[in-house]
Amino acid sequence: MADTLKTYELICPDINCASEFDVELSPAALADGGEPIECPDCGEEWEWEYHPDTDTLQLLGDEEEADETDLLEDAETEENEENE
């Protein structure tokens, strides 16, 4: 018996892309961890995490990029506070 594919809606974690797209995976692929998922718009491959409790799939972004974004946002916030 073949595995039934399930469709998951994903958002690319790249802050310059943030494309929304669908991916179909089987329960076996979810259990194994599977291969990285490629964003169809930017072409980046992303590791992913499956949450069985909520039956959701999430792409894992680059923590280093997220840290840089947080630092930029913090710097902008500080600058805005100083100018007030």
Protein backbone atom coordinates (compact mmCIF):
# COMPACT_ATOMS: atom_id res chain seq x y z
CA MET A 1 0.00 0.00 0.00
CA ALA A 2 1.44 3.36 -0.99
CA ASP A 3 1.76 6.19 1.49
CA THR A 4 -0.83 8.93 1.13
CA LEU A 5 0.78 12.29 0.47
CA LYS A 6 -0.22 15.23 2.61
CA THR A 7 0.11 18.87 1.50
CA TYR A 8 1.72 21.42 3.81
CA GLU A 9 1.80 25.17 3.30
CA LEU A 10 5.26 26.62 3.93
CA ILE A 11 6.89 30.04 4.01
CA CYS A 12 10.50 30.44 2.96
CA PRO A 13 12.52 31.60 5.99
CA ASP A 14 14.82 33.77 3.83
CA ILE A 15 13.94 37.36 4.80
CA ASN A 16 14.56 38.49 1.22
CA CYS A 17 12.22 35.85 -0.22
CA ALA A 18 9.45 34.87 2.24
CA SER A 19 7.68 33.04 -0.59
CA GLU A 20 4.65 30.93 0.30
CA PHE A 21 4.46 27.51 -1.35
CA ASP A 22 3.04 24.01 -0.88
CA VAL A 23 4.94 20.76 -0.51
CA GLU A 24 3.62 17.20 -0.47
CA LEU A 25 5.21 14.64 1.84
CA SER A 26 4.36 11.13 2.90
CA PRO A 27 4.10 10.03 6.55
CA ALA A 28 7.26 7.95 6.00
CA ALA A 29 9.22 11.04 4.87
CA LEU A 30 7.95 12.97 7.91
CA ALA A 31 9.08 10.17 10.23
CA ASP A 32 12.54 9.89 8.62
CA GLY A 33 13.28 13.59 8.64
CA GLY A 34 13.69 13.51 4.87
CA GLU A 35 15.74 15.66 2.56
CA PRO A 36 15.95 19.46 2.77
CA ILE A 37 13.07 21.28 1.07
CA GLU A 38 13.90 23.69 -1.76
CA CYS A 39 12.08 27.00 -2.08
CA PRO A 40 10.77 27.23 -5.66
CA ASP A 41 11.38 30.99 -5.82
CA CYS A 42 14.85 31.56 -4.37
CA GLY A 43 16.20 28.01 -4.82
CA GLU A 44 17.55 27.78 -1.26
CA GLU A 45 17.32 24.40 0.46
CA TRP A 46 16.03 24.39 4.04
CA GLU A 47 16.07 21.87 6.84
CA TRP A 48 12.64 21.33 8.32
CA GLU A 49 10.91 20.20 11.45
CA TYR A 50 7.65 18.26 11.74
CA HIS A 51 5.39 18.77 14.77
CA PRO A 52 3.15 15.67 15.07
CA ASP A 53 1.02 17.16 17.85
CA THR A 54 -0.22 19.91 15.54
CA ASP A 55 0.49 18.13 12.22
CA THR A 56 2.51 21.11 11.02
CA LEU A 57 5.70 21.37 9.04
CA GLN A 58 8.09 24.29 9.50
CA LEU A 59 11.18 25.30 7.57
CA LEU A 60 14.13 26.12 9.79
CA GLY A 61 15.83 29.39 8.94
CA ASP A 62 19.48 30.22 9.34
CA GLU A 63 19.97 31.28 12.97
CA GLU A 64 22.91 33.46 11.98
CA GLU A 65 20.73 35.39 9.51
CA ALA A 66 17.99 35.74 12.14
CA ASP A 67 20.55 37.07 14.64
CA GLU A 68 21.74 39.66 12.11
CA THR A 69 18.15 40.72 11.48
CA ASP A 70 17.51 41.06 15.21
CA LEU A 71 20.66 43.17 15.60
CA LEU A 72 19.61 45.46 12.75
CA GLU A 73 16.12 45.86 14.21
CA ASP A 74 17.58 46.58 17.67
CA ALA A 75 19.91 49.21 16.22
CA GLU A 76 17.03 50.88 14.34
CA THR A 77 14.90 50.92 17.48
CA GLU A 78 17.70 52.48 19.53
CA GLU A 79 18.30 55.10 16.82
CA ASN A 80 14.60 55.98 16.70
CA GLU A 81 14.47 56.32 20.52
CA GLU A 82 17.52 58.59 20.53
CA ASN A 83 15.96 60.85 17.86
CA GLU A 84 12.75 61.34 19.85
